[in-house]
Amino acid sequence: MKYIMIIILVYTNLFSLETSERLFECTEIFKERKSELLVELERIDEQKQALSALKIATENLLKKKESRLTQKEEEVNEKLSQAKIKEESIKKMLAKNEDILKNIRELKMDKIAQTFSKMKPASSANILSDMDVVEASRILTSLKPKTVGKILTKMDAKKAAELTLLLSK
């Protein structure tokens, strides 16, 4: 039985040596793997920090661009409102100028009408016959109907007919 015990002890020692060698190998493998994982973790951390820095830089750049865009929009809106104010001012001036021009034309036409009404019908007829039909009709419309009739009777029949058609419109 002693022998059996000795054999068992020897086998257990051998197994324990083998097991401890295996455990030592596993521990070494785990240590190596641990160091690899630590290196990988450090690399991931560096990438995470770089990504975070890039994100912050991008956000800052975006904020600057948004700020510039807002500023430009405000400038454009200001210029647009100034342009609208100027446009309204120009429209008012244009309307005022048109009224003044209309008044000047009326005064001018009144003076021409006075001149033609003071002339003899034959002289007026000769002058109006040589004028453009539209201009002649404008002058005739500013005269009294009695004066127009006298002038038309002294004119060439074709020209008087043309003027009469324009006056009727």
N, C-alpha and C. Protein backbone atom coordinates (compact mmCIF):
# COMPACT_ATOMS: atom_id res chain seq x y z
N MET A 1 0.80 -1.15 0.00
CA MET A 1 0.00 0.00 0.00
C MET A 1 0.87 1.26 0.00
N LYS A 2 1.98 1.14 0.62
CA LYS A 2 2.92 2.24 0.62
C LYS A 2 3.33 2.59 -0.79
N TYR A 3 3.53 1.58 -1.51
CA TYR A 3 3.93 1.84 -2.88
C TYR A 3 2.83 2.55 -3.65
N ILE A 4 1.69 2.13 -3.39
CA ILE A 4 0.56 2.72 -4.08
C ILE A 4 0.45 4.20 -3.69
N MET A 5 0.64 4.48 -2.46
CA MET A 5 0.58 5.86 -1.98
C MET A 5 1.70 6.68 -2.58
N ILE A 6 2.84 6.06 -2.62
CA ILE A 6 3.97 6.78 -3.20
C ILE A 6 3.68 7.05 -4.68
N ILE A 7 3.15 6.11 -5.35
CA ILE A 7 2.85 6.27 -6.77
C ILE A 7 1.78 7.36 -6.92
N ILE A 8 0.82 7.33 -6.07
CA ILE A 8 -0.26 8.33 -6.14
C ILE A 8 0.33 9.71 -5.88
N LEU A 9 1.21 9.80 -4.90
CA LEU A 9 1.85 11.08 -4.58
C LEU A 9 2.69 11.58 -5.75
N VAL A 10 3.41 10.67 -6.34
CA VAL A 10 4.24 11.05 -7.47
C VAL A 10 3.34 11.53 -8.62
N TYR A 11 2.28 10.81 -8.90
CA TYR A 11 1.38 11.23 -9.97
C TYR A 11 0.72 12.58 -9.67
N THR A 12 0.32 12.72 -8.44
CA THR A 12 -0.30 14.00 -8.07
C THR A 12 0.70 15.14 -8.18
N ASN A 13 1.94 14.85 -7.79
CA ASN A 13 2.97 15.88 -7.92
C ASN A 13 3.20 16.21 -9.40
N LEU A 14 3.24 15.15 -10.18
CA LEU A 14 3.43 15.38 -11.61
C LEU A 14 2.27 16.19 -12.18
N PHE A 15 1.06 15.77 -11.77
CA PHE A 15 -0.12 16.51 -12.25
C PHE A 15 -0.14 17.94 -11.74
N SER A 16 0.27 18.08 -10.48
CA SER A 16 0.26 19.43 -9.91
C SER A 16 1.32 20.28 -10.58
N LEU A 17 2.47 19.70 -10.92
CA LEU A 17 3.51 20.44 -11.63
C LEU A 17 3.00 20.81 -13.02
N GLU A 18 2.36 19.83 -13.65
CA GLU A 18 1.82 20.08 -14.98
C GLU A 18 0.73 21.14 -14.91
N THR A 19 -0.11 21.03 -13.92
CA THR A 19 -1.20 21.98 -13.75
C THR A 19 -0.64 23.36 -13.42
N SER A 20 0.35 23.42 -12.56
CA SER A 20 0.92 24.72 -12.21
C SER A 20 1.64 25.32 -13.40
N GLU A 21 2.29 24.47 -14.22
CA GLU A 21 2.91 24.98 -15.44
C GLU A 21 1.84 25.53 -16.38
N ARG A 22 0.76 24.81 -16.49
CA ARG A 22 -0.33 25.29 -17.34
C ARG A 22 -0.91 26.60 -16.79
N LEU A 23 -1.07 26.64 -15.48
CA LEU A 23 -1.58 27.87 -14.86
C LEU A 23 -0.60 29.02 -15.10
N PHE A 24 0.67 28.73 -14.99
CA PHE A 24 1.69 29.77 -15.24
C PHE A 24 1.62 30.24 -16.68
N GLU A 25 1.46 29.30 -17.62
CA GLU A 25 1.35 29.64 -19.03
C GLU A 25 0.10 30.49 -19.28
N CYS A 26 -1.02 30.07 -18.67
CA CYS A 26 -2.27 30.82 -18.82
C CYS A 26 -2.11 32.22 -18.25
N THR A 27 -1.45 32.31 -17.11
CA THR A 27 -1.24 33.63 -16.49
C THR A 27 -0.39 34.49 -17.40
N GLU A 28 0.61 33.94 -17.99
CA GLU A 28 1.47 34.68 -18.92
C GLU A 28 0.66 35.14 -20.15
N ILE A 29 -0.15 34.23 -20.65
CA ILE A 29 -0.99 34.56 -21.81
C ILE A 29 -1.94 35.70 -21.44
N PHE A 30 -2.54 35.57 -20.24
CA PHE A 30 -3.47 36.62 -19.79
C PHE A 30 -2.75 37.95 -19.61
N LYS A 31 -1.52 37.90 -19.10
CA LYS A 31 -0.75 39.14 -18.92
C LYS A 31 -0.45 39.79 -20.28
N GLU A 32 -0.03 38.94 -21.24
CA GLU A 32 0.24 39.46 -22.58
C GLU A 32 -1.03 40.05 -23.20
N ARG A 33 -2.11 39.31 -23.05
CA ARG A 33 -3.38 39.78 -23.62
C ARG A 33 -3.83 41.06 -22.92
N LYS A 34 -3.59 41.11 -21.62
CA LYS A 34 -3.94 42.30 -20.85
C LYS A 34 -3.16 43.51 -21.37
N SER A 35 -1.89 43.34 -21.61
CA SER A 35 -1.09 44.45 -22.11
C SER A 35 -1.53 44.86 -23.52
N GLU A 36 -1.88 43.87 -24.35
CA GLU A 36 -2.41 44.19 -25.68
C GLU A 36 -3.71 44.97 -25.58
N LEU A 37 -4.57 44.52 -24.67
CA LEU A 37 -5.84 45.21 -24.48
C LEU A 37 -5.64 46.63 -23.94
N LEU A 38 -4.67 46.79 -23.05
CA LEU A 38 -4.37 48.13 -22.53
C LEU A 38 -3.87 49.05 -23.65
N VAL A 39 -3.03 48.52 -24.54
CA VAL A 39 -2.55 49.31 -25.68
C VAL A 39 -3.73 49.67 -26.59
N GLU A 40 -4.58 48.71 -26.84
CA GLU A 40 -5.76 48.95 -27.68
C GLU A 40 -6.69 49.97 -27.02
N LEU A 41 -6.88 49.85 -25.72
CA LEU A 41 -7.71 50.79 -24.98
C LEU A 41 -7.12 52.20 -25.04
N GLU A 42 -5.81 52.29 -24.93
CA GLU A 42 -5.13 53.59 -25.01
C GLU A 42 -5.31 54.19 -26.42
N ARG A 43 -5.19 53.37 -27.44
CA ARG A 43 -5.40 53.83 -28.81
C ARG A 43 -6.85 54.31 -29.02
N ILE A 44 -7.80 53.57 -28.49
CA ILE A 44 -9.21 53.95 -28.59
C ILE A 44 -9.45 55.27 -27.86
N ASP A 45 -8.82 55.41 -26.68
CA ASP A 45 -8.96 56.65 -25.91
C ASP A 45 -8.39 57.84 -26.69
N GLU A 46 -7.24 57.64 -27.33
CA GLU A 46 -6.63 58.71 -28.13
C GLU A 46 -7.56 59.10 -29.29
N GLN A 47 -8.13 58.09 -29.95
CA GLN A 47 -9.06 58.36 -31.04
C GLN A 47 -10.31 59.08 -30.55
N LYS A 48 -10.77 58.69 -29.37
CA LYS A 48 -11.94 59.33 -28.77
C LYS A 48 -11.63 60.80 -28.47
N GLN A 49 -10.43 61.07 -27.94
CA GLN A 49 -10.04 62.45 -27.66
C GLN A 49 -9.90 63.26 -28.95
N ALA A 50 -9.32 62.66 -29.97
CA ALA A 50 -9.17 63.34 -31.25
C ALA A 50 -10.55 63.64 -31.86
N LEU A 51 -11.45 62.67 -31.76
CA LEU A 51 -12.80 62.86 -32.27
C LEU A 51 -13.53 63.96 -31.49
N SER A 52 -13.34 63.97 -30.21
CA SER A 52 -13.95 65.01 -29.38
C SER A 52 -13.41 66.39 -29.75
N ALA A 53 -12.10 66.49 -29.95
CA ALA A 53 -11.49 67.77 -30.35
C ALA A 53 -12.01 68.19 -31.72
N LEU A 54 -12.13 67.24 -32.64
CA LEU A 54 -12.66 67.54 -33.97
C LEU A 54 -14.11 68.01 -33.89
N LYS A 55 -14.89 67.36 -33.04
CA LYS A 55 -16.29 67.74 -32.86
C LYS A 55 -16.39 69.17 -32.32
N ILE A 56 -15.58 69.50 -31.34
CA ILE A 56 -15.59 70.85 -30.76
C ILE A 56 -15.16 71.88 -31.80
N ALA A 57 -14.12 71.56 -32.56
CA ALA A 57 -13.65 72.49 -33.60
C ALA A 57 -14.73 72.70 -34.67
N THR A 58 -15.38 71.61 -35.05
CA THR A 58 -16.45 71.70 -36.05
C THR A 58 -17.62 72.53 -35.52
N GLU A 59 -17.99 72.32 -34.27
CA GLU A 59 -19.09 73.09 -33.68
C GLU A 59 -18.73 74.57 -33.62
N ASN A 60 -17.48 74.88 -33.24
CA ASN A 60 -17.04 76.28 -33.19
C ASN A 60 -17.08 76.91 -34.57
N LEU A 61 -16.60 76.18 -35.55
CA LEU A 61 -16.62 76.68 -36.93
C LEU A 61 -18.05 76.91 -37.40
N LEU A 62 -18.93 75.97 -37.08
CA LEU A 62 -20.33 76.10 -37.45
C LEU A 62 -20.96 77.31 -36.78
N LYS A 63 -20.65 77.53 -35.51
CA LYS A 63 -21.18 78.70 -34.80
C LYS A 63 -20.69 79.99 -35.44
N LYS A 64 -19.41 80.03 -35.83
CA LYS A 64 -18.87 81.23 -36.48
C LYS A 64 -19.57 81.48 -37.81
N LYS A 65 -19.76 80.41 -38.58
CA LYS A 65 -20.42 80.56 -39.88
C LYS A 65 -21.87 80.99 -39.70
N GLU A 66 -22.57 80.44 -38.71
CA GLU A 66 -23.94 80.84 -38.44
C GLU A 66 -23.99 82.31 -38.03
N SER A 67 -23.02 82.72 -37.23
CA SER A 67 -22.95 84.11 -36.79
C SER A 67 -22.74 85.03 -37.98
N ARG A 68 -21.81 84.67 -38.87
CA ARG A 68 -21.56 85.47 -40.08
C ARG A 68 -22.79 85.50 -40.97
N LEU A 69 -23.45 84.36 -41.09
CA LEU A 69 -24.66 84.28 -41.92
C LEU A 69 -25.75 85.17 -41.35
N THR A 70 -25.94 85.14 -40.05
CA THR A 70 -26.94 85.98 -39.40
C THR A 70 -26.62 87.45 -39.62
N GLN A 71 -25.34 87.78 -39.49
CA GLN A 71 -24.91 89.17 -39.70
C GLN A 71 -25.18 89.60 -41.14
N LYS A 72 -24.85 88.74 -42.10
CA LYS A 72 -25.07 89.06 -43.52
C LYS A 72 -26.57 89.19 -43.80
N GLU A 73 -27.39 88.32 -43.20
CA GLU A 73 -28.83 88.41 -43.38
C GLU A 73 -29.36 89.74 -42.86
N GLU A 74 -28.85 90.16 -41.71
CA GLU A 74 -29.26 91.45 -41.15
C GLU A 74 -28.86 92.59 -42.07
N GLU A 75 -27.65 92.52 -42.62
CA GLU A 75 -27.19 93.56 -43.55
C GLU A 75 -28.07 93.60 -44.79
N VAL A 76 -28.39 92.42 -45.33
CA VAL A 76 -29.22 92.34 -46.53
C VAL A 76 -30.62 92.89 -46.22
N ASN A 77 -31.17 92.52 -45.07
CA ASN A 77 -32.50 93.01 -44.70
C ASN A 77 -32.49 94.53 -44.53
N GLU A 78 -31.43 95.06 -43.94
CA GLU A 78 -31.29 96.51 -43.78
C GLU A 78 -31.23 97.20 -45.14
N LYS A 79 -30.42 96.67 -46.03
CA LYS A 79 -30.31 97.25 -47.38
C LYS A 79 -31.64 97.14 -48.13
N LEU A 80 -32.32 96.02 -47.94
CA LEU A 80 -33.61 95.82 -48.59
C LEU A 80 -34.63 96.84 -48.09
N SER A 81 -34.64 97.08 -46.78
CA SER A 81 -35.59 98.06 -46.25
C SER A 81 -35.22 99.47 -46.73
N GLN A 82 -33.94 99.77 -46.82
CA GLN A 82 -33.51 101.06 -47.36
C GLN A 82 -33.93 101.20 -48.82
N ALA A 83 -33.77 100.12 -49.57
CA ALA A 83 -34.17 100.15 -50.98
C ALA A 83 -35.68 100.37 -51.11
N LYS A 84 -36.46 99.74 -50.24
CA LYS A 84 -37.91 99.92 -50.29
C LYS A 84 -38.28 101.36 -49.96
N ILE A 85 -37.60 101.93 -48.98
CA ILE A 85 -37.86 103.33 -48.62
C ILE A 85 -37.53 104.24 -49.80
N LYS A 86 -36.38 104.00 -50.43
CA LYS A 86 -35.99 104.80 -51.59
C LYS A 86 -36.97 104.62 -52.73
N GLU A 87 -37.43 103.38 -52.93
CA GLU A 87 -38.38 103.10 -54.01
C GLU A 87 -39.68 103.87 -53.78
N GLU A 88 -40.16 103.87 -52.53
CA GLU A 88 -41.38 104.61 -52.22
C GLU A 88 -41.17 106.11 -52.45
N SER A 89 -40.02 106.60 -52.06
CA SER A 89 -39.70 108.02 -52.25
C SER A 89 -39.67 108.35 -53.74
N ILE A 90 -39.06 107.48 -54.52
CA ILE A 90 -38.97 107.69 -55.97
C ILE A 90 -40.37 107.65 -56.59
N LYS A 91 -41.21 106.71 -56.14
CA LYS A 91 -42.57 106.63 -56.67
C LYS A 91 -43.34 107.92 -56.37
N LYS A 92 -43.17 108.45 -55.15
CA LYS A 92 -43.85 109.70 -54.81
C LYS A 92 -43.35 110.85 -55.68
N MET A 93 -42.03 110.90 -55.85
CA MET A 93 -41.46 111.96 -56.69
C MET A 93 -41.93 111.82 -58.13
N LEU A 94 -41.97 110.60 -58.62
CA LEU A 94 -42.41 110.34 -59.99
C LEU A 94 -43.87 110.78 -60.17
N ALA A 95 -44.71 110.45 -59.21
CA ALA A 95 -46.12 110.86 -59.29
C ALA A 95 -46.23 112.38 -59.26
N LYS A 96 -45.43 113.00 -58.39
CA LYS A 96 -45.44 114.46 -58.31
C LYS A 96 -44.96 115.07 -59.63
N ASN A 97 -43.89 114.50 -60.20
CA ASN A 97 -43.37 114.99 -61.48
C ASN A 97 -44.38 114.81 -62.61
N GLU A 98 -45.08 113.68 -62.60
CA GLU A 98 -46.10 113.45 -63.62
C GLU A 98 -47.23 114.47 -63.50
N ASP A 99 -47.62 114.78 -62.26
CA ASP A 99 -48.65 115.81 -62.06
C ASP A 99 -48.18 117.16 -62.58
N ILE A 100 -46.94 117.50 -62.26
CA ILE A 100 -46.37 118.78 -62.71
C ILE A 100 -46.31 118.81 -64.24
N LEU A 101 -45.85 117.71 -64.83
CA LEU A 101 -45.78 117.63 -66.29
C LEU A 101 -47.17 117.75 -66.92
N LYS A 102 -48.15 117.11 -66.31
CA LYS A 102 -49.52 117.20 -66.80
C LYS A 102 -50.01 118.64 -66.74
N ASN A 103 -49.72 119.30 -65.62
CA ASN A 103 -50.12 120.71 -65.48
C ASN A 103 -49.44 121.58 -66.53
N ILE A 104 -48.16 121.34 -66.76
CA ILE A 104 -47.42 122.10 -67.77
C ILE A 104 -48.02 121.88 -69.15
N ARG A 105 -48.35 120.64 -69.47
CA ARG A 105 -48.95 120.34 -70.77
C ARG A 105 -50.31 121.03 -70.92
N GLU A 106 -51.08 121.01 -69.85
CA GLU A 106 -52.38 121.67 -69.89
C GLU A 106 -52.22 123.17 -70.10
N LEU A 107 -51.27 123.76 -69.39
CA LEU A 107 -51.02 125.20 -69.56
C LEU A 107 -50.57 125.51 -70.98
N LYS A 108 -49.69 124.66 -71.46
CA LYS A 108 -49.19 124.84 -72.83
C LYS A 108 -50.33 124.71 -73.84
N MET A 109 -51.17 123.71 -73.64
CA MET A 109 -52.29 123.49 -74.55
C MET A 109 -53.28 124.65 -74.46
N ASP A 110 -53.48 125.17 -73.24
CA ASP A 110 -54.37 126.32 -73.09
C ASP A 110 -53.83 127.53 -73.86
N LYS A 111 -52.53 127.74 -73.77
CA LYS A 111 -51.92 128.86 -74.50
C LYS A 111 -52.06 128.66 -76.01
N ILE A 112 -51.81 127.45 -76.46
CA ILE A 112 -51.95 127.15 -77.90
C ILE A 112 -53.40 127.35 -78.31
N ALA A 113 -54.33 126.87 -77.47
CA ALA A 113 -55.75 127.01 -77.78
C ALA A 113 -56.14 128.48 -77.85
N GLN A 114 -55.61 129.27 -76.93
CA GLN A 114 -55.89 130.71 -76.95
C GLN A 114 -55.35 131.34 -78.24
N THR A 115 -54.15 130.90 -78.62
CA THR A 115 -53.54 131.45 -79.84
C THR A 115 -54.39 131.10 -81.06
N PHE A 116 -54.80 129.83 -81.17
CA PHE A 116 -55.59 129.40 -82.33
C PHE A 116 -56.99 130.03 -82.31
N SER A 117 -57.53 130.25 -81.11
CA SER A 117 -58.86 130.85 -81.05
C SER A 117 -58.83 132.32 -81.45
N LYS A 118 -57.69 132.98 -81.30
CA LYS A 118 -57.55 134.39 -81.68
C LYS A 118 -57.21 134.55 -83.16
N MET A 119 -56.75 133.47 -83.77
CA MET A 119 -56.40 133.53 -85.20
C MET A 119 -57.65 133.46 -86.06
N LYS A 120 -57.49 133.82 -87.30
CA LYS A 120 -58.59 133.68 -88.26
C LYS A 120 -58.73 132.20 -88.60
N PRO A 121 -59.96 131.70 -88.83
CA PRO A 121 -60.19 130.29 -89.13
C PRO A 121 -59.38 129.79 -90.32
N ALA A 122 -59.17 130.58 -91.34
CA ALA A 122 -58.43 130.15 -92.53
C ALA A 122 -56.96 129.93 -92.18
N SER A 123 -56.38 130.83 -91.40
CA SER A 123 -54.97 130.68 -91.00
C SER A 123 -54.80 129.45 -90.11
N SER A 124 -55.72 129.29 -89.17
CA SER A 124 -55.67 128.12 -88.29
C SER A 124 -55.79 126.84 -89.09
N ALA A 125 -56.69 126.83 -90.06
CA ALA A 125 -56.91 125.65 -90.90
C ALA A 125 -55.65 125.30 -91.67
N ASN A 126 -54.96 126.30 -92.25
CA ASN A 126 -53.71 126.04 -93.00
C ASN A 126 -52.64 125.44 -92.09
N ILE A 127 -52.48 126.01 -90.91
CA ILE A 127 -51.46 125.50 -89.96
C ILE A 127 -51.79 124.09 -89.52
N LEU A 128 -53.02 123.84 -89.10
CA LEU A 128 -53.43 122.51 -88.61
C LEU A 128 -53.38 121.47 -89.73
N SER A 129 -53.61 121.88 -90.98
CA SER A 129 -53.54 120.93 -92.10
C SER A 129 -52.13 120.41 -92.30
N ASP A 130 -51.15 121.26 -92.01
CA ASP A 130 -49.75 120.85 -92.18
C ASP A 130 -49.22 120.04 -90.99
N MET A 131 -49.94 120.04 -89.90
CA MET A 131 -49.48 119.34 -88.68
C MET A 131 -49.87 117.85 -88.72
N ASP A 132 -49.26 117.12 -87.80
CA ASP A 132 -49.61 115.71 -87.58
C ASP A 132 -51.07 115.65 -87.15
N VAL A 133 -51.80 114.64 -87.60
CA VAL A 133 -53.23 114.53 -87.35
C VAL A 133 -53.52 114.43 -85.85
N VAL A 134 -52.72 113.68 -85.14
CA VAL A 134 -52.94 113.49 -83.70
C VAL A 134 -52.74 114.81 -82.96
N GLU A 135 -51.65 115.51 -83.27
CA GLU A 135 -51.38 116.79 -82.63
C GLU A 135 -52.46 117.81 -82.97
N ALA A 136 -52.87 117.84 -84.19
CA ALA A 136 -53.92 118.77 -84.62
C ALA A 136 -55.22 118.48 -83.88
N SER A 137 -55.54 117.18 -83.70
CA SER A 137 -56.78 116.83 -82.98
C SER A 137 -56.69 117.24 -81.51
N ARG A 138 -55.52 117.16 -80.92
CA ARG A 138 -55.35 117.61 -79.52
C ARG A 138 -55.63 119.11 -79.41
N ILE A 139 -55.11 119.84 -80.36
CA ILE A 139 -55.33 121.29 -80.33
C ILE A 139 -56.80 121.59 -80.52
N LEU A 140 -57.43 120.91 -81.44
CA LEU A 140 -58.85 121.16 -81.71
C LEU A 140 -59.73 120.80 -80.52
N THR A 141 -59.37 119.75 -79.77
CA THR A 141 -60.17 119.37 -78.60
C THR A 141 -60.10 120.43 -77.51
N SER A 142 -59.04 121.22 -77.49
CA SER A 142 -58.93 122.26 -76.47
C SER A 142 -59.66 123.55 -76.85
N LEU A 143 -60.14 123.60 -78.08
CA LEU A 143 -60.87 124.79 -78.55
C LEU A 143 -62.37 124.62 -78.33
N LYS A 144 -63.09 125.74 -78.40
CA LYS A 144 -64.56 125.71 -78.28
C LYS A 144 -65.14 125.10 -79.54
N PRO A 145 -66.23 124.39 -79.41
CA PRO A 145 -66.83 123.72 -80.57
C PRO A 145 -67.15 124.68 -81.74
N LYS A 146 -67.56 125.88 -81.44
CA LYS A 146 -67.87 126.86 -82.49
C LYS A 146 -66.63 127.20 -83.29
N THR A 147 -65.50 127.38 -82.59
CA THR A 147 -64.23 127.71 -83.25
C THR A 147 -63.75 126.52 -84.08
N VAL A 148 -63.91 125.31 -83.54
CA VAL A 148 -63.50 124.09 -84.26
C VAL A 148 -64.28 123.98 -85.56
N GLY A 149 -65.56 124.25 -85.50
CA GLY A 149 -66.40 124.18 -86.70
C GLY A 149 -65.93 125.15 -87.77
N LYS A 150 -65.60 126.37 -87.38
CA LYS A 150 -65.14 127.37 -88.35
C LYS A 150 -63.83 126.93 -89.00
N ILE A 151 -62.92 126.37 -88.17
CA ILE A 151 -61.61 125.95 -88.69
C ILE A 151 -61.78 124.78 -89.65
N LEU A 152 -62.61 123.79 -89.28
CA LEU A 152 -62.80 122.61 -90.12
C LEU A 152 -63.43 122.97 -91.47
N THR A 153 -64.29 123.98 -91.51
CA THR A 153 -64.90 124.38 -92.78
C THR A 153 -63.88 125.01 -93.72
N LYS A 154 -62.81 125.54 -93.20
CA LYS A 154 -61.77 126.17 -94.02
C LYS A 154 -60.69 125.16 -94.44
N MET A 155 -60.77 123.93 -93.99
CA MET A 155 -59.76 122.91 -94.27
C MET A 155 -60.13 122.08 -95.47
N ASP A 156 -59.11 121.34 -95.95
CA ASP A 156 -59.32 120.34 -97.00
C ASP A 156 -60.30 119.30 -96.46
N ALA A 157 -61.21 118.81 -97.28
CA ALA A 157 -62.27 117.90 -96.85
C ALA A 157 -61.71 116.60 -96.26
N LYS A 158 -60.68 116.02 -96.90
CA LYS A 158 -60.09 114.76 -96.39
C LYS A 158 -59.48 114.97 -95.00
N LYS A 159 -58.72 116.05 -94.86
CA LYS A 159 -58.05 116.33 -93.59
C LYS A 159 -59.11 116.62 -92.52
N ALA A 160 -60.15 117.37 -92.88
CA ALA A 160 -61.22 117.68 -91.92
C ALA A 160 -61.94 116.40 -91.50
N ALA A 161 -62.13 115.46 -92.43
CA ALA A 161 -62.81 114.19 -92.11
C ALA A 161 -61.95 113.37 -91.14
N GLU A 162 -60.63 113.33 -91.42
CA GLU A 162 -59.71 112.61 -90.53
C GLU A 162 -59.75 113.19 -89.11
N LEU A 163 -59.67 114.49 -89.04
CA LEU A 163 -59.67 115.15 -87.73
C LEU A 163 -61.00 114.96 -87.02
N THR A 164 -62.07 114.97 -87.75
CA THR A 164 -63.38 114.77 -87.15
C THR A 164 -63.48 113.35 -86.56
N LEU A 165 -62.96 112.37 -87.27
CA LEU A 165 -62.96 111.00 -86.74
C LEU A 165 -62.14 110.92 -85.45
N LEU A 166 -61.01 111.57 -85.43
CA LEU A 166 -60.18 111.55 -84.20
C LEU A 166 -60.87 112.30 -83.07
N LEU A 167 -61.55 113.38 -83.40
CA LEU A 167 -62.24 114.13 -82.35
C LEU A 167 -63.41 113.36 -81.77
N SER A 168 -64.01 112.48 -82.57
CA SER A 168 -65.17 111.73 -82.09
C SER A 168 -64.79 110.58 -81.15
N LYS A 169 -63.55 110.25 -81.11
CA LYS A 169 -63.10 109.11 -80.26
C LYS A 169 -62.89 109.53 -78.83
